[in-house]
Amino acid sequence: MASTTPPLTKTYPSGESYRRMDVVEEQIAVLSEMGFEEVLRRAAVTSRTDPEFLRPETLMHFLRATRRDNTERRFTALFPFVLRRLLLALPRGERRTAAGTAADAFGLDLIDAVRVRFVNLVSVDRAGGDRMDFYEVHFDEAVAGLRMKAWGRLRARAARTVGLETDPESGELPDAVERAAGSLDDGAEDFFSDPSHRERVRRGIDHLKPEQREVMLMSLANIPTESSDPNVACISGLLGCDPSTVRYRRRRAVKRLQEMLAAGELN
């Protein structure tokens, strides 16, 4: 099938241009005729054996195509589905033990590192360019590359200690301590919705710690902190952490952004 989809612009070292798989080009062509609501409907299908399953490369194409929108509505609607495909492409953060299944600290750290990096790449890609072209060529291979780089950075980290120690990177307390402290409301709604500094807030997000930046990007995309409906994407579910941790990170992020605004750093 001949495709009218714009070609990718990034090239291999040999000079050959990146090229989408034929099945991806076909899905893009069909869905471009049917409309964005059909993309969303089929994005919810996660079984690769389902005939309506959309390849992650196809979803990446439509996510990146929202860069041309005058609003963020389509990006906001599609991004949780793409992030879910990222998580499905990663090994589960658990290990088998004699007592059953247990969380694997290194595996969870690896997932977190890959997810943060991916969100950052998407944020940069929103401004344009061909940096994420390969995600439309072979999504799983691109994610594998992120995983290997993250593994290299994490492999030398010492085993985590238990107790009331804070996270060495974020400075956050364990989830149980945050719950006991009652850190449930961050009061961020008014801060996000204030049109007088929304654009400056976007610029300031780039200067936040990775885990705070990740939460803020999802919050600005109107993804809820938590949901009782398993079919509704939420930040705590996508990040695999307690809702109180999401609120804590967002509260810290808001505080830092307020400090930068007050100091005139984001004018």
C-alpha atoms as a PDB file:
ATOM      1  CA  MET A   1       0.000   0.000   0.000  1.00  0.00           C
ATOM      2  CA  ALA A   2       1.370   3.373  -0.970  1.00  0.00           C
ATOM      3  CA  SER A   3       1.441   5.771   1.955  1.00  0.00           C
ATOM      4  CA  THR A   4       1.088   9.538   2.014  1.00  0.00           C
ATOM      5  CA  THR A   5       2.502   9.651   5.547  1.00  0.00           C
ATOM      6  CA  PRO A   6       5.467  12.073   5.716  1.00  0.00           C
ATOM      7  CA  PRO A   7       8.735  10.091   5.716  1.00  0.00           C
ATOM      8  CA  LEU A   8      11.078  10.088   8.686  1.00  0.00           C
ATOM      9  CA  THR A   9      14.041  12.438   8.344  1.00  0.00           C
ATOM     10  CA  LYS A  10      16.688  10.857  10.579  1.00  0.00           C
ATOM     11  CA  THR A  11      19.310   8.723   8.843  1.00  0.00           C
ATOM     12  CA  TYR A  12      21.608   5.838   9.685  1.00  0.00           C
ATOM     13  CA  PRO A  13      25.395   6.406   9.598  1.00  0.00           C
ATOM     14  CA  SER A  14      25.329   4.968   6.075  1.00  0.00           C
ATOM     15  CA  GLY A  15      23.085   7.833   4.988  1.00  0.00           C
ATOM     16  CA  GLU A  16      20.019   5.631   4.537  1.00  0.00           C
ATOM     17  CA  SER A  17      16.849   7.197   5.899  1.00  0.00           C
ATOM     18  CA  TYR A  18      14.889   5.600   8.712  1.00  0.00           C
ATOM     19  CA  ARG A  19      11.855   3.740   7.376  1.00  0.00           C
ATOM     20  CA  ARG A  20       8.724   2.526   9.146  1.00  0.00           C
ATOM     21  CA  MET A  21       7.649  -1.088   8.822  1.00  0.00           C
ATOM     22  CA  ASP A  22       5.036  -1.740   6.127  1.00  0.00           C
ATOM     23  CA  VAL A  23       2.467  -2.822   8.731  1.00  0.00           C
ATOM     24  CA  VAL A  24       2.967   0.475  10.562  1.00  0.00           C
ATOM     25  CA  GLU A  25       2.559   2.496   7.371  1.00  0.00           C
ATOM     26  CA  GLU A  26      -0.636   0.574   6.627  1.00  0.00           C
ATOM     27  CA  GLN A  27      -2.083   1.183  10.094  1.00  0.00           C
ATOM     28  CA  ILE A  28      -1.235   4.891   9.881  1.00  0.00           C
ATOM     29  CA  ALA A  29      -2.873   5.196   6.468  1.00  0.00           C
ATOM     30  CA  VAL A  30      -6.076   3.435   7.558  1.00  0.00           C
ATOM     31  CA  LEU A  31      -6.418   5.336  10.822  1.00  0.00           C
ATOM     32  CA  SER A  32      -5.679   8.678   9.181  1.00  0.00           C
ATOM     33  CA  GLU A  33      -8.855   8.143   7.163  1.00  0.00           C
ATOM     34  CA  MET A  34     -10.935   7.033  10.159  1.00  0.00           C
ATOM     35  CA  GLY A  35     -10.107   9.799  12.628  1.00  0.00           C
ATOM     36  CA  PHE A  36      -8.422  10.280  15.987  1.00  0.00           C
ATOM     37  CA  GLU A  37     -11.231   8.773  18.090  1.00  0.00           C
ATOM     38  CA  GLU A  38     -10.609   5.459  16.339  1.00  0.00           C
ATOM     39  CA  VAL A  39      -6.916   5.745  17.226  1.00  0.00           C
ATOM     40  CA  LEU A  40      -7.852   6.144  20.893  1.00  0.00           C
ATOM     41  CA  ARG A  41     -10.304   3.259  20.799  1.00  0.00           C
ATOM     42  CA  ARG A  42      -7.785   0.869  19.345  1.00  0.00           C
ATOM     43  CA  ALA A  43      -4.949   2.214  21.528  1.00  0.00           C
ATOM     44  CA  ALA A  44      -6.727   0.622  24.478  1.00  0.00           C
ATOM     45  CA  VAL A  45      -6.216  -2.845  22.941  1.00  0.00           C
ATOM     46  CA  THR A  46      -3.052  -4.311  24.479  1.00  0.00           C
ATOM     47  CA  SER A  47      -3.218  -7.926  23.302  1.00  0.00           C
ATOM     48  CA  ARG A  48      -0.881  -8.412  20.355  1.00  0.00           C
ATOM     49  CA  THR A  49      -3.067 -11.262  19.082  1.00  0.00           C
ATOM     50  CA  ASP A  50      -6.116  -9.010  18.792  1.00  0.00           C
ATOM     51  CA  PRO A  51      -6.694  -7.985  15.150  1.00  0.00           C
ATOM     52  CA  GLU A  52      -7.368  -4.412  16.329  1.00  0.00           C
ATOM     53  CA  PHE A  53      -4.044  -4.151  18.155  1.00  0.00           C
ATOM     54  CA  LEU A  54      -2.018  -1.120  17.111  1.00  0.00           C
ATOM     55  CA  ARG A  55       1.731  -1.434  17.061  1.00  0.00           C
ATOM     56  CA  PRO A  56       3.523   0.930  19.458  1.00  0.00           C
ATOM     57  CA  GLU A  57       5.302   2.458  16.457  1.00  0.00           C
ATOM     58  CA  THR A  58       1.889   3.484  15.116  1.00  0.00           C
ATOM     59  CA  LEU A  59       0.913   5.068  18.419  1.00  0.00           C
ATOM     60  CA  MET A  60       4.230   6.922  18.543  1.00  0.00           C
ATOM     61  CA  HIS A  61       3.528   8.344  15.090  1.00  0.00           C
ATOM     62  CA  PHE A  62       0.155   9.727  16.128  1.00  0.00           C
ATOM     63  CA  LEU A  63       1.540  11.021  19.438  1.00  0.00           C
ATOM     64  CA  ARG A  64       4.306  12.905  17.628  1.00  0.00           C
ATOM     65  CA  ALA A  65       1.816  14.162  15.039  1.00  0.00           C
ATOM     66  CA  THR A  66       0.064  16.107  17.815  1.00  0.00           C
ATOM     67  CA  ARG A  67       3.025  18.504  17.743  1.00  0.00           C
ATOM     68  CA  ARG A  68       1.113  20.311  14.989  1.00  0.00           C
ATOM     69  CA  ASP A  69      -2.038  20.794  17.099  1.00  0.00           C
ATOM     70  CA  ASN A  70      -3.089  24.187  18.378  1.00  0.00           C
ATOM     71  CA  THR A  71      -4.230  22.520  21.613  1.00  0.00           C
ATOM     72  CA  GLU A  72      -2.891  19.654  23.712  1.00  0.00           C
ATOM     73  CA  ARG A  73      -6.166  17.712  23.768  1.00  0.00           C
ATOM     74  CA  ARG A  74      -5.034  14.900  21.487  1.00  0.00           C
ATOM     75  CA  PHE A  75      -1.608  14.592  23.129  1.00  0.00           C
ATOM     76  CA  THR A  76      -3.248  14.439  26.568  1.00  0.00           C
ATOM     77  CA  ALA A  77      -5.627  11.715  25.437  1.00  0.00           C
ATOM     78  CA  LEU A  78      -3.010   9.533  23.721  1.00  0.00           C
ATOM     79  CA  PHE A  79       0.031   9.901  25.972  1.00  0.00           C
ATOM     80  CA  PRO A  80      -1.177   7.501  28.737  1.00  0.00           C
ATOM     81  CA  PHE A  81      -1.639   4.729  26.153  1.00  0.00           C
ATOM     82  CA  VAL A  82       1.891   5.252  24.794  1.00  0.00           C
ATOM     83  CA  LEU A  83       3.324   5.246  28.305  1.00  0.00           C
ATOM     84  CA  ARG A  84       1.492   1.999  28.981  1.00  0.00           C
ATOM     85  CA  ARG A  85       3.151   0.447  25.897  1.00  0.00           C
ATOM     86  CA  LEU A  86       6.508   1.555  27.273  1.00  0.00           C
ATOM     87  CA  LEU A  87       5.843  -0.279  30.528  1.00  0.00           C
ATOM     88  CA  LEU A  88       4.682  -3.376  28.655  1.00  0.00           C
ATOM     89  CA  ALA A  89       7.994  -3.373  26.765  1.00  0.00           C
ATOM     90  CA  LEU A  90       9.970  -3.482  30.031  1.00  0.00           C
ATOM     91  CA  PRO A  91      10.597  -6.514  32.271  1.00  0.00           C
ATOM     92  CA  ARG A  92       8.423  -6.588  35.361  1.00  0.00           C
ATOM     93  CA  GLY A  93      10.005  -5.212  38.527  1.00  0.00           C
ATOM     94  CA  GLU A  94       9.650  -8.397  40.534  1.00  0.00           C
ATOM     95  CA  ARG A  95      11.393 -11.692  41.128  1.00  0.00           C
ATOM     96  CA  ARG A  96      10.390 -15.205  42.099  1.00  0.00           C
ATOM     97  CA  THR A  97      11.200 -16.425  45.606  1.00  0.00           C
ATOM     98  CA  ALA A  98      10.401 -19.541  47.590  1.00  0.00           C
ATOM     99  CA  ALA A  99       7.569 -17.616  49.228  1.00  0.00           C
ATOM    100  CA  GLY A 100       6.135 -16.373  45.947  1.00  0.00           C
ATOM    101  CA  THR A 101       6.639 -13.122  44.044  1.00  0.00           C
ATOM    102  CA  ALA A 102       8.550 -10.218  45.574  1.00  0.00           C
ATOM    103  CA  ALA A 103       9.374  -6.733  44.363  1.00  0.00           C
ATOM    104  CA  ASP A 104      12.890  -6.381  43.002  1.00  0.00           C
ATOM    105  CA  ALA A 105      14.431  -3.063  44.087  1.00  0.00           C
ATOM    106  CA  PHE A 106      16.888  -2.917  41.195  1.00  0.00           C
ATOM    107  CA  GLY A 107      14.208  -3.874  38.679  1.00  0.00           C
ATOM    108  CA  LEU A 108      11.878  -1.160  39.954  1.00  0.00           C
ATOM    109  CA  ASP A 109      14.704   1.395  39.857  1.00  0.00           C
ATOM    110  CA  LEU A 110      15.427   0.367  36.275  1.00  0.00           C
ATOM    111  CA  ILE A 111      11.794   0.836  35.246  1.00  0.00           C
ATOM    112  CA  ASP A 112      11.695   4.238  36.941  1.00  0.00           C
ATOM    113  CA  ALA A 113      14.889   5.372  35.204  1.00  0.00           C
ATOM    114  CA  VAL A 114      13.661   4.298  31.760  1.00  0.00           C
ATOM    115  CA  ARG A 115      10.255   5.893  32.279  1.00  0.00           C
ATOM    116  CA  VAL A 116      11.730   9.213  33.399  1.00  0.00           C
ATOM    117  CA  ARG A 117      14.093   9.263  30.428  1.00  0.00           C
ATOM    118  CA  PHE A 118      11.283   8.443  28.004  1.00  0.00           C
ATOM    119  CA  VAL A 119       9.026  11.192  29.386  1.00  0.00           C
ATOM    120  CA  ASN A 120      11.889  13.665  29.083  1.00  0.00           C
ATOM    121  CA  LEU A 121      12.530  12.633  25.476  1.00  0.00           C
ATOM    122  CA  VAL A 122       8.858  13.067  24.614  1.00  0.00           C
ATOM    123  CA  SER A 123       8.883  16.504  26.243  1.00  0.00           C
ATOM    124  CA  VAL A 124      11.879  17.580  24.135  1.00  0.00           C
ATOM    125  CA  ASP A 125      10.407  15.990  21.017  1.00  0.00           C
ATOM    126  CA  ARG A 126       7.282  18.134  21.385  1.00  0.00           C
ATOM    127  CA  ALA A 127       9.366  21.081  20.202  1.00  0.00           C
ATOM    128  CA  GLY A 128      10.159  19.303  16.920  1.00  0.00           C
ATOM    129  CA  GLY A 129      13.113  17.470  15.441  1.00  0.00           C
ATOM    130  CA  ASP A 130      13.885  13.845  14.601  1.00  0.00           C
ATOM    131  CA  ARG A 131      15.357  12.632  17.881  1.00  0.00           C
ATOM    132  CA  MET A 132      12.576  10.066  18.414  1.00  0.00           C
ATOM    133  CA  ASP A 133      12.224   8.926  14.796  1.00  0.00           C
ATOM    134  CA  PHE A 134      13.521   5.465  15.686  1.00  0.00           C
ATOM    135  CA  TYR A 135      10.549   4.941  18.021  1.00  0.00           C
ATOM    136  CA  GLU A 136       8.422   4.889  14.853  1.00  0.00           C
ATOM    137  CA  VAL A 137      10.814   2.354  13.285  1.00  0.00           C
ATOM    138  CA  HIS A 138      11.249  -0.180  16.111  1.00  0.00           C
ATOM    139  CA  PHE A 139       9.744   0.835  19.443  1.00  0.00           C
ATOM    140  CA  ASP A 140      10.833  -2.223  21.446  1.00  0.00           C
ATOM    141  CA  GLU A 141      14.427  -1.898  20.253  1.00  0.00           C
ATOM    142  CA  ALA A 142      14.469   1.806  21.149  1.00  0.00           C
ATOM    143  CA  VAL A 143      13.166   0.989  24.642  1.00  0.00           C
ATOM    144  CA  ALA A 144      15.773  -1.759  24.966  1.00  0.00           C
ATOM    145  CA  GLY A 145      18.420   0.879  24.280  1.00  0.00           C
ATOM    146  CA  LEU A 146      17.047   3.053  27.069  1.00  0.00           C
ATOM    147  CA  ARG A 147      17.018   0.036  29.378  1.00  0.00           C
ATOM    148  CA  MET A 148      20.653  -0.833  28.679  1.00  0.00           C
ATOM    149  CA  LYS A 149      21.797   2.738  29.322  1.00  0.00           C
ATOM    150  CA  ALA A 150      19.799   2.865  32.553  1.00  0.00           C
ATOM    151  CA  TRP A 151      21.216  -0.484  33.636  1.00  0.00           C
ATOM    152  CA  GLY A 152      24.738   0.817  33.118  1.00  0.00           C
ATOM    153  CA  ARG A 153      24.036   3.816  35.347  1.00  0.00           C
ATOM    154  CA  LEU A 154      22.347   1.806  38.078  1.00  0.00           C
ATOM    155  CA  ARG A 155      24.469  -1.335  38.305  1.00  0.00           C
ATOM    156  CA  ALA A 156      27.053   0.264  40.597  1.00  0.00           C
ATOM    157  CA  ARG A 157      24.502   1.646  43.017  1.00  0.00           C
ATOM    158  CA  ALA A 158      24.708   0.146  46.484  1.00  0.00           C
ATOM    159  CA  ALA A 159      21.751  -1.827  47.837  1.00  0.00           C
ATOM    160  CA  ARG A 160      19.110   0.330  49.421  1.00  0.00           C
ATOM    161  CA  THR A 161      18.828   0.473  53.173  1.00  0.00           C
ATOM    162  CA  VAL A 162      15.567   0.147  55.014  1.00  0.00           C
ATOM    163  CA  GLY A 163      14.105   2.438  57.631  1.00  0.00           C
ATOM    164  CA  LEU A 164      13.631   6.188  57.629  1.00  0.00           C
ATOM    165  CA  GLU A 165      16.398   7.033  55.223  1.00  0.00           C
ATOM    166  CA  THR A 166      15.430   9.277  52.347  1.00  0.00           C
ATOM    167  CA  ASP A 167      15.848   8.303  48.712  1.00  0.00           C
ATOM    168  CA  PRO A 168      19.464   9.174  47.738  1.00  0.00           C
ATOM    169  CA  GLU A 169      18.369  10.928  44.531  1.00  0.00           C
ATOM    170  CA  SER A 170      15.026  12.534  45.361  1.00  0.00           C
ATOM    171  CA  GLY A 171      15.402  13.098  49.095  1.00  0.00           C
ATOM    172  CA  GLU A 172      11.927  11.643  49.617  1.00  0.00           C
ATOM    173  CA  LEU A 173      10.814   9.581  52.584  1.00  0.00           C
ATOM    174  CA  PRO A 174       9.425   6.050  52.128  1.00  0.00           C
ATOM    175  CA  ASP A 175       5.738   5.804  51.124  1.00  0.00           C
ATOM    176  CA  ALA A 176       4.661   4.561  54.559  1.00  0.00           C
ATOM    177  CA  VAL A 177       6.195   7.603  56.260  1.00  0.00           C
ATOM    178  CA  GLU A 178       4.516   9.935  53.783  1.00  0.00           C
ATOM    179  CA  ARG A 179       1.145   8.296  54.434  1.00  0.00           C
ATOM    180  CA  ALA A 180       1.622   8.597  58.182  1.00  0.00           C
ATOM    181  CA  ALA A 181       2.498  12.267  57.782  1.00  0.00           C
ATOM    182  CA  GLY A 182      -0.749  12.808  55.916  1.00  0.00           C
ATOM    183  CA  SER A 183       0.763  14.296  52.766  1.00  0.00           C
ATOM    184  CA  LEU A 184      -2.440  13.940  50.749  1.00  0.00           C
ATOM    185  CA  ASP A 185      -3.244  17.359  49.320  1.00  0.00           C
ATOM    186  CA  ASP A 186      -0.711  19.444  47.454  1.00  0.00           C
ATOM    187  CA  GLY A 187      -2.980  22.362  46.552  1.00  0.00           C
ATOM    188  CA  ALA A 188      -1.590  22.431  43.020  1.00  0.00           C
ATOM    189  CA  GLU A 189      -4.808  22.915  41.046  1.00  0.00           C
ATOM    190  CA  ASP A 190      -4.844  26.710  41.307  1.00  0.00           C
ATOM    191  CA  PHE A 191      -1.136  26.838  40.516  1.00  0.00           C
ATOM    192  CA  PHE A 192      -1.591  24.825  37.308  1.00  0.00           C
ATOM    193  CA  SER A 193      -4.649  26.728  36.124  1.00  0.00           C
ATOM    194  CA  ASP A 194      -3.328  30.265  36.669  1.00  0.00           C
ATOM    195  CA  PRO A 195      -2.878  31.591  33.094  1.00  0.00           C
ATOM    196  CA  SER A 196      -0.573  34.365  34.289  1.00  0.00           C
ATOM    197  CA  HIS A 197       2.351  32.007  34.772  1.00  0.00           C
ATOM    198  CA  ARG A 198       1.420  28.742  33.036  1.00  0.00           C
ATOM    199  CA  GLU A 199       3.961  29.198  30.220  1.00  0.00           C
ATOM    200  CA  ARG A 200       6.703  30.141  32.668  1.00  0.00           C
ATOM    201  CA  VAL A 201       5.849  27.040  34.692  1.00  0.00           C
ATOM    202  CA  ARG A 202       6.409  24.915  31.596  1.00  0.00           C
ATOM    203  CA  ARG A 203       9.894  26.371  31.209  1.00  0.00           C
ATOM    204  CA  GLY A 204      10.639  25.830  34.871  1.00  0.00           C
ATOM    205  CA  ILE A 205       9.711  22.145  34.716  1.00  0.00           C
ATOM    206  CA  ASP A 206      12.896  21.474  32.749  1.00  0.00           C
ATOM    207  CA  HIS A 207      14.917  22.516  35.820  1.00  0.00           C
ATOM    208  CA  LEU A 208      13.183  20.149  38.270  1.00  0.00           C
ATOM    209  CA  LYS A 209      14.503  16.838  39.538  1.00  0.00           C
ATOM    210  CA  PRO A 210      13.600  13.992  37.135  1.00  0.00           C
ATOM    211  CA  GLU A 211      10.975  12.369  39.379  1.00  0.00           C
ATOM    212  CA  GLN A 212       9.313  15.746  40.025  1.00  0.00           C
ATOM    213  CA  ARG A 213       9.443  16.711  36.346  1.00  0.00           C
ATOM    214  CA  GLU A 214       7.774  13.428  35.437  1.00  0.00           C
ATOM    215  CA  VAL A 215       4.845  14.033  37.789  1.00  0.00           C
ATOM    216  CA  MET A 216       4.441  17.636  36.664  1.00  0.00           C
ATOM    217  CA  LEU A 217       4.369  16.694  32.967  1.00  0.00           C
ATOM    218  CA  MET A 218       1.642  14.141  33.622  1.00  0.00           C
ATOM    219  CA  SER A 219      -0.283  16.587  35.808  1.00  0.00           C
ATOM    220  CA  LEU A 220      -0.166  19.231  33.077  1.00  0.00           C
ATOM    221  CA  ALA A 221      -1.478  16.559  30.707  1.00  0.00           C
ATOM    222  CA  ASN A 222      -4.506  16.291  33.050  1.00  0.00           C
ATOM    223  CA  ILE A 223      -3.753  12.693  34.042  1.00  0.00           C
ATOM    224  CA  PRO A 224      -5.394  12.099  37.474  1.00  0.00           C
ATOM    225  CA  THR A 225      -3.282  11.254  40.504  1.00  0.00           C
ATOM    226  CA  GLU A 226      -5.248   8.079  41.212  1.00  0.00           C
ATOM    227  CA  SER A 227      -8.333   6.237  40.018  1.00  0.00           C
ATOM    228  CA  SER A 228     -10.550   3.489  41.382  1.00  0.00           C
ATOM    229  CA  ASP A 229     -11.316   2.436  37.802  1.00  0.00           C
ATOM    230  CA  PRO A 230      -8.562   0.083  36.508  1.00  0.00           C
ATOM    231  CA  ASN A 231      -9.386   1.138  32.938  1.00  0.00           C
ATOM    232  CA  VAL A 232      -8.578   4.797  33.652  1.00  0.00           C
ATOM    233  CA  ALA A 233      -4.903   5.738  33.414  1.00  0.00           C
ATOM    234  CA  CYS A 234      -3.614   7.587  36.484  1.00  0.00           C
ATOM    235  CA  ILE A 235      -0.210   8.863  37.579  1.00  0.00           C
ATOM    236  CA  SER A 236       0.188   6.524  40.547  1.00  0.00           C
ATOM    237  CA  GLY A 237      -0.716   3.524  38.374  1.00  0.00           C
ATOM    238  CA  LEU A 238       1.567   4.506  35.502  1.00  0.00           C
ATOM    239  CA  LEU A 239       4.472   5.170  37.876  1.00  0.00           C
ATOM    240  CA  GLY A 240       3.758   2.165  40.083  1.00  0.00           C
ATOM    241  CA  CYS A 241       3.849   4.151  43.310  1.00  0.00           C
ATOM    242  CA  ASP A 242       1.502   5.225  46.084  1.00  0.00           C
ATOM    243  CA  PRO A 243      -0.762   8.247  45.344  1.00  0.00           C
ATOM    244  CA  SER A 244       0.716   9.998  48.379  1.00  0.00           C
ATOM    245  CA  THR A 245       4.147   9.773  46.766  1.00  0.00           C
ATOM    246  CA  VAL A 246       2.775  11.416  43.628  1.00  0.00           C
ATOM    247  CA  ARG A 247       1.333  14.254  45.730  1.00  0.00           C
ATOM    248  CA  TYR A 248       4.564  14.630  47.676  1.00  0.00           C
ATOM    249  CA  ARG A 249       6.646  14.934  44.508  1.00  0.00           C
ATOM    250  CA  ARG A 250       4.185  17.395  42.993  1.00  0.00           C
ATOM    251  CA  ARG A 251       4.102  19.476  46.159  1.00  0.00           C
ATOM    252  CA  ARG A 252       7.903  19.669  46.182  1.00  0.00           C
ATOM    253  CA  ALA A 253       7.867  20.571  42.486  1.00  0.00           C
ATOM    254  CA  VAL A 254       5.281  23.320  42.988  1.00  0.00           C
ATOM    255  CA  LYS A 255       7.291  24.753  45.876  1.00  0.00           C
ATOM    256  CA  ARG A 256      10.433  24.874  43.734  1.00  0.00           C
ATOM    257  CA  LEU A 257       8.578  26.443  40.808  1.00  0.00           C
ATOM    258  CA  GLN A 258       7.086  29.076  43.113  1.00  0.00           C
ATOM    259  CA  GLU A 259      10.580  29.895  44.354  1.00  0.00           C
ATOM    260  CA  MET A 260      11.840  30.297  40.775  1.00  0.00           C
ATOM    261  CA  LEU A 261       8.868  32.482  39.861  1.00  0.00           C
ATOM    262  CA  ALA A 262       9.372  34.681  42.925  1.00  0.00           C
ATOM    263  CA  ALA A 263      13.064  35.068  42.116  1.00  0.00           C
ATOM    264  CA  GLY A 264      12.304  36.088  38.541  1.00  0.00           C
ATOM    265  CA  GLU A 265      14.191  33.078  37.161  1.00  0.00           C
ATOM    266  CA  LEU A 266      11.395  32.162  34.732  1.00  0.00           C
ATOM    267  CA  ASN A 267      10.584  35.599  33.260  1.00  0.00           C
END
